[in-house]
Amino acid sequence: MTSFILILTGVLILSATHVAAFAQQMIDLRNMTCQIRSAPTDKCSALPTLQSGLLAIAREGTFTLQAHYQSCFMTEQLNYSGRFRSFHFDKTSRLELLATQAAGTEETTDFPRTLGIVNLNHATLDGYWVDISAVIRGQGRHAEKIAPAELQCEINQ
C-alpha cells in the first residue's frame, strides 16, 4: 500500500506540473551552475538517490547534470542532458528537467524522461531539488520517501 502511495504521489506531482503550466508565466533565466547536496544520513537506502551533483543551466532552455548516486549496494556517476521548462512564482522559479540523454551506466537511454524538479529562490539563488527519477528508478518496489536535496546556484558571467 505504501508503494502505491509513493507512486501516486509522483504521478500527482507530474500531472500538477503539466496542468499548472498553462497558468504560470515563463521567465528568462541566466546561465547558472548549481551544486546539489543531499543531507548526510546514517541510514542506508536501497534506492539509488542523488547524493551530490553539478547542474549547469543554460538560458536557452538546456541543462547538463553530473550526478553521484548512491544506495546500500552501489554507487554510480551519471551524466544527464536535456531541456527544461521554467515557471515563475512570485519570488521563486520552478524548473522541470526533462532528460533526453543519459550516460554512465549500462542502461544508457536516449528517450525523454522527467528527471527532477528544481525550486529556486530568485534573491538568494538557493532552493531544493526533487529527484523524480529516484521514484521512477525504484518502480514502486521501495516504500522509502524521497527527501529533497539542497541546491545552491551562482550566475555564470
C-alpha atoms as a PDB file:
ATOM      1  CA  MET A   1       0.000   0.000   0.000  1.00  0.00           C
ATOM      2  CA  THR A   2       2.864   2.385   0.817  1.00  0.00           C
ATOM      3  CA  SER A   3       4.441   1.749  -2.588  1.00  0.00           C
ATOM      4  CA  PHE A   4       1.150   2.620  -4.227  1.00  0.00           C
ATOM      5  CA  ILE A   5       1.009   5.905  -2.307  1.00  0.00           C
ATOM      6  CA  LEU A   6       4.582   6.761  -3.326  1.00  0.00           C
ATOM      7  CA  ILE A   7       3.842   6.101  -6.996  1.00  0.00           C
ATOM      8  CA  LEU A   8       0.567   8.014  -6.794  1.00  0.00           C
ATOM      9  CA  THR A   9       2.380  10.981  -5.244  1.00  0.00           C
ATOM     10  CA  GLY A  10       4.900  11.005  -8.095  1.00  0.00           C
ATOM     11  CA  VAL A  11       2.133  10.853 -10.697  1.00  0.00           C
ATOM     12  CA  LEU A  12       0.238  13.673  -8.980  1.00  0.00           C
ATOM     13  CA  ILE A  13       3.334  15.867  -8.932  1.00  0.00           C
ATOM     14  CA  LEU A  14       3.881  15.260 -12.634  1.00  0.00           C
ATOM     15  CA  SER A  15       0.259  15.920 -13.568  1.00  0.00           C
ATOM     16  CA  ALA A  16       0.131  19.048 -11.402  1.00  0.00           C
ATOM     17  CA  THR A  17       3.239  20.271 -13.199  1.00  0.00           C
ATOM     18  CA  HIS A  18       1.621  19.942 -16.603  1.00  0.00           C
ATOM     19  CA  VAL A  19      -1.802  21.305 -15.575  1.00  0.00           C
ATOM     20  CA  ALA A  20      -0.321  24.290 -13.749  1.00  0.00           C
ATOM     21  CA  ALA A  21       1.980  25.084 -16.669  1.00  0.00           C
ATOM     22  CA  PHE A  22      -0.815  26.808 -18.536  1.00  0.00           C
ATOM     23  CA  ALA A  23      -1.460  29.246 -15.685  1.00  0.00           C
ATOM     24  CA  GLN A  24       2.167  30.169 -14.991  1.00  0.00           C
ATOM     25  CA  GLN A  25       4.298  32.778 -16.638  1.00  0.00           C
ATOM     26  CA  MET A  26       7.565  31.591 -18.151  1.00  0.00           C
ATOM     27  CA  ILE A  27      10.625  33.699 -17.289  1.00  0.00           C
ATOM     28  CA  ASP A  28      14.049  34.179 -18.819  1.00  0.00           C
ATOM     29  CA  LEU A  29      16.807  32.698 -16.662  1.00  0.00           C
ATOM     30  CA  ARG A  30      20.511  33.405 -16.848  1.00  0.00           C
ATOM     31  CA  ASN A  31      23.219  30.802 -17.344  1.00  0.00           C
ATOM     32  CA  MET A  32      23.830  29.232 -13.933  1.00  0.00           C
ATOM     33  CA  THR A  33      25.815  26.499 -12.237  1.00  0.00           C
ATOM     34  CA  CYS A  34      24.218  24.817  -9.234  1.00  0.00           C
ATOM     35  CA  GLN A  35      25.572  22.481  -6.551  1.00  0.00           C
ATOM     36  CA  ILE A  36      23.148  19.811  -5.323  1.00  0.00           C
ATOM     37  CA  ARG A  37      23.758  18.095  -1.975  1.00  0.00           C
ATOM     38  CA  SER A  38      21.634  15.634  -0.038  1.00  0.00           C
ATOM     39  CA  ALA A  39      21.599  15.901   3.723  1.00  0.00           C
ATOM     40  CA  PRO A  40      24.041  13.450   5.329  1.00  0.00           C
ATOM     41  CA  THR A  41      22.402  10.437   6.924  1.00  0.00           C
ATOM     42  CA  ASP A  42      23.475   7.279   8.716  1.00  0.00           C
ATOM     43  CA  LYS A  43      20.722   5.284   7.036  1.00  0.00           C
ATOM     44  CA  CYS A  44      21.440   3.123   4.045  1.00  0.00           C
ATOM     45  CA  SER A  45      18.933   3.404   1.206  1.00  0.00           C
ATOM     46  CA  ALA A  46      18.028   0.504  -1.060  1.00  0.00           C
ATOM     47  CA  LEU A  47      17.013   3.060  -3.684  1.00  0.00           C
ATOM     48  CA  PRO A  48      19.818   4.834  -5.592  1.00  0.00           C
ATOM     49  CA  THR A  49      19.383   8.513  -4.722  1.00  0.00           C
ATOM     50  CA  LEU A  50      21.307  11.591  -5.727  1.00  0.00           C
ATOM     51  CA  GLN A  51      23.940  12.390  -3.093  1.00  0.00           C
ATOM     52  CA  SER A  52      25.639  15.255  -4.924  1.00  0.00           C
ATOM     53  CA  GLY A  53      25.641  16.816  -8.334  1.00  0.00           C
ATOM     54  CA  LEU A  54      26.639  19.714 -10.537  1.00  0.00           C
ATOM     55  CA  LEU A  55      23.784  21.182 -12.562  1.00  0.00           C
ATOM     56  CA  ALA A  56      24.552  23.579 -15.431  1.00  0.00           C
ATOM     57  CA  ILE A  57      21.541  25.564 -16.649  1.00  0.00           C
ATOM     58  CA  ALA A  58      21.711  27.408 -19.974  1.00  0.00           C
ATOM     59  CA  ARG A  59      19.365  30.314 -20.681  1.00  0.00           C
ATOM     60  CA  GLU A  60      18.419  28.665 -23.989  1.00  0.00           C
ATOM     61  CA  GLY A  61      16.469  26.064 -22.009  1.00  0.00           C
ATOM     62  CA  THR A  62      19.006  23.231 -21.815  1.00  0.00           C
ATOM     63  CA  PHE A  63      20.872  21.640 -18.915  1.00  0.00           C
ATOM     64  CA  THR A  64      23.548  19.125 -18.024  1.00  0.00           C
ATOM     65  CA  LEU A  65      23.747  17.273 -14.726  1.00  0.00           C
ATOM     66  CA  GLN A  66      26.759  15.368 -13.432  1.00  0.00           C
ATOM     67  CA  ALA A  67      25.256  13.308 -10.622  1.00  0.00           C
ATOM     68  CA  HIS A  68      26.620  10.978  -7.972  1.00  0.00           C
ATOM     69  CA  TYR A  69      24.003   8.377  -6.985  1.00  0.00           C
ATOM     70  CA  GLN A  70      24.401   6.066  -4.012  1.00  0.00           C
ATOM     71  CA  SER A  71      22.497   3.224  -2.362  1.00  0.00           C
ATOM     72  CA  CYS A  72      23.359   0.452   0.106  1.00  0.00           C
ATOM     73  CA  PHE A  73      24.999  -1.721  -2.501  1.00  0.00           C
ATOM     74  CA  MET A  74      26.143   0.599  -5.262  1.00  0.00           C
ATOM     75  CA  THR A  75      27.452   3.987  -6.297  1.00  0.00           C
ATOM     76  CA  GLU A  76      27.350   5.390  -9.789  1.00  0.00           C
ATOM     77  CA  GLN A  77      28.242   8.523 -11.680  1.00  0.00           C
ATOM     78  CA  LEU A  78      25.625   9.554 -14.225  1.00  0.00           C
ATOM     79  CA  ASN A  79      25.630  12.367 -16.749  1.00  0.00           C
ATOM     80  CA  TYR A  80      22.302  13.705 -17.964  1.00  0.00           C
ATOM     81  CA  SER A  81      21.497  16.338 -20.524  1.00  0.00           C
ATOM     82  CA  GLY A  82      18.255  17.666 -21.862  1.00  0.00           C
ATOM     83  CA  ARG A  83      15.929  20.610 -21.743  1.00  0.00           C
ATOM     84  CA  PHE A  84      13.876  22.332 -19.075  1.00  0.00           C
ATOM     85  CA  ARG A  85      10.796  24.445 -18.629  1.00  0.00           C
ATOM     86  CA  SER A  86      10.879  27.319 -16.176  1.00  0.00           C
ATOM     87  CA  PHE A  87       7.899  28.869 -14.443  1.00  0.00           C
ATOM     88  CA  HIS A  88       7.723  31.971 -12.285  1.00  0.00           C
ATOM     89  CA  PHE A  89       6.038  32.068  -8.866  1.00  0.00           C
ATOM     90  CA  ASP A  90       6.283  35.479  -7.170  1.00  0.00           C
ATOM     91  CA  LYS A  91       9.878  35.289  -5.790  1.00  0.00           C
ATOM     92  CA  THR A  92      10.779  31.780  -6.933  1.00  0.00           C
ATOM     93  CA  SER A  93      11.077  29.734 -10.088  1.00  0.00           C
ATOM     94  CA  ARG A  94      10.405  26.092 -10.741  1.00  0.00           C
ATOM     95  CA  LEU A  95      12.312  24.212 -13.423  1.00  0.00           C
ATOM     96  CA  GLU A  96      11.144  20.859 -14.693  1.00  0.00           C
ATOM     97  CA  LEU A  97      14.129  18.962 -16.098  1.00  0.00           C
ATOM     98  CA  LEU A  98      13.446  16.610 -18.991  1.00  0.00           C
ATOM     99  CA  ALA A  99      16.436  14.351 -19.685  1.00  0.00           C
ATOM    100  CA  THR A 100      16.875  13.437 -23.329  1.00  0.00           C
ATOM    101  CA  GLN A 101      20.223  11.684 -22.884  1.00  0.00           C
ATOM    102  CA  ALA A 102      21.816   9.767 -20.039  1.00  0.00           C
ATOM    103  CA  ALA A 103      25.238   8.165 -19.832  1.00  0.00           C
ATOM    104  CA  GLY A 104      27.248   6.383 -17.193  1.00  0.00           C
ATOM    105  CA  THR A 105      25.573   3.021 -16.801  1.00  0.00           C
ATOM    106  CA  GLU A 106      24.778   0.034 -18.951  1.00  0.00           C
ATOM    107  CA  GLU A 107      21.206   1.315 -19.130  1.00  0.00           C
ATOM    108  CA  THR A 108      22.011   4.388 -21.223  1.00  0.00           C
ATOM    109  CA  THR A 109      18.827   5.874 -22.551  1.00  0.00           C
ATOM    110  CA  ASP A 110      18.124   8.392 -25.292  1.00  0.00           C
ATOM    111  CA  PHE A 111      14.445   8.991 -24.707  1.00  0.00           C
ATOM    112  CA  PRO A 112      12.842  11.873 -22.795  1.00  0.00           C
ATOM    113  CA  ARG A 113      12.190  11.290 -19.105  1.00  0.00           C
ATOM    114  CA  THR A 114      11.335  13.693 -16.300  1.00  0.00           C
ATOM    115  CA  LEU A 115      14.464  13.803 -14.200  1.00  0.00           C
ATOM    116  CA  GLY A 116      13.505  16.168 -11.427  1.00  0.00           C
ATOM    117  CA  ILE A 117      12.159  19.499 -10.285  1.00  0.00           C
ATOM    118  CA  VAL A 118      14.323  22.448  -9.236  1.00  0.00           C
ATOM    119  CA  ASN A 119      12.789  25.108  -6.983  1.00  0.00           C
ATOM    120  CA  LEU A 120      14.908  28.267  -6.935  1.00  0.00           C
ATOM    121  CA  ASN A 121      14.669  31.432  -4.826  1.00  0.00           C
ATOM    122  CA  HIS A 122      15.402  34.454  -7.082  1.00  0.00           C
ATOM    123  CA  ALA A 123      17.037  36.607  -4.401  1.00  0.00           C
ATOM    124  CA  THR A 124      19.397  34.069  -2.825  1.00  0.00           C
ATOM    125  CA  LEU A 125      19.755  31.604  -5.741  1.00  0.00           C
ATOM    126  CA  ASP A 126      19.207  28.694  -3.376  1.00  0.00           C
ATOM    127  CA  GLY A 127      16.444  26.160  -3.171  1.00  0.00           C
ATOM    128  CA  TYR A 128      15.935  22.454  -3.445  1.00  0.00           C
ATOM    129  CA  TRP A 129      15.968  19.537  -5.870  1.00  0.00           C
ATOM    130  CA  VAL A 130      13.210  16.913  -6.012  1.00  0.00           C
ATOM    131  CA  ASP A 131      14.528  13.704  -7.580  1.00  0.00           C
ATOM    132  CA  ILE A 132      11.592  12.339  -9.620  1.00  0.00           C
ATOM    133  CA  SER A 133      13.927   9.856 -11.325  1.00  0.00           C
ATOM    134  CA  ALA A 134      14.521   8.087  -7.988  1.00  0.00           C
ATOM    135  CA  VAL A 135      10.825   7.227  -7.794  1.00  0.00           C
ATOM    136  CA  ILE A 136      10.849   6.070 -11.419  1.00  0.00           C
ATOM    137  CA  ARG A 137      14.015   4.002 -10.917  1.00  0.00           C
ATOM    138  CA  GLY A 138      12.511   2.340  -7.842  1.00  0.00           C
ATOM    139  CA  GLN A 139       9.498   1.341  -9.959  1.00  0.00           C
ATOM    140  CA  GLY A 140       7.321   1.235  -6.865  1.00  0.00           C
ATOM    141  CA  ARG A 141       9.370  -1.520  -5.221  1.00  0.00           C
ATOM    142  CA  HIS A 142      10.605   0.642  -2.370  1.00  0.00           C
ATOM    143  CA  ALA A 143       8.460   2.452   0.171  1.00  0.00           C
ATOM    144  CA  GLU A 144      11.151   4.962   1.105  1.00  0.00           C
ATOM    145  CA  LYS A 145      10.350   8.650   0.957  1.00  0.00           C
ATOM    146  CA  ILE A 146      12.486  10.724  -1.355  1.00  0.00           C
ATOM    147  CA  ALA A 147      13.839  13.728   0.546  1.00  0.00           C
ATOM    148  CA  PRO A 148      14.593  16.910  -1.398  1.00  0.00           C
ATOM    149  CA  ALA A 149      18.259  17.860  -1.697  1.00  0.00           C
ATOM    150  CA  GLU A 150      19.687  21.324  -1.101  1.00  0.00           C
ATOM    151  CA  LEU A 151      20.524  23.448  -4.123  1.00  0.00           C
ATOM    152  CA  GLN A 152      22.843  26.468  -4.341  1.00  0.00           C
ATOM    153  CA  CYS A 153      23.363  28.276  -7.645  1.00  0.00           C
ATOM    154  CA  GLU A 154      25.571  31.031  -8.971  1.00  0.00           C
ATOM    155  CA  ILE A 155      25.209  33.038 -12.152  1.00  0.00           C
ATOM    156  CA  ASN A 156      27.871  32.433 -14.792  1.00  0.00           C
ATOM    157  CA  GLN A 157      29.389  35.590 -16.242  1.00  0.00           C
END
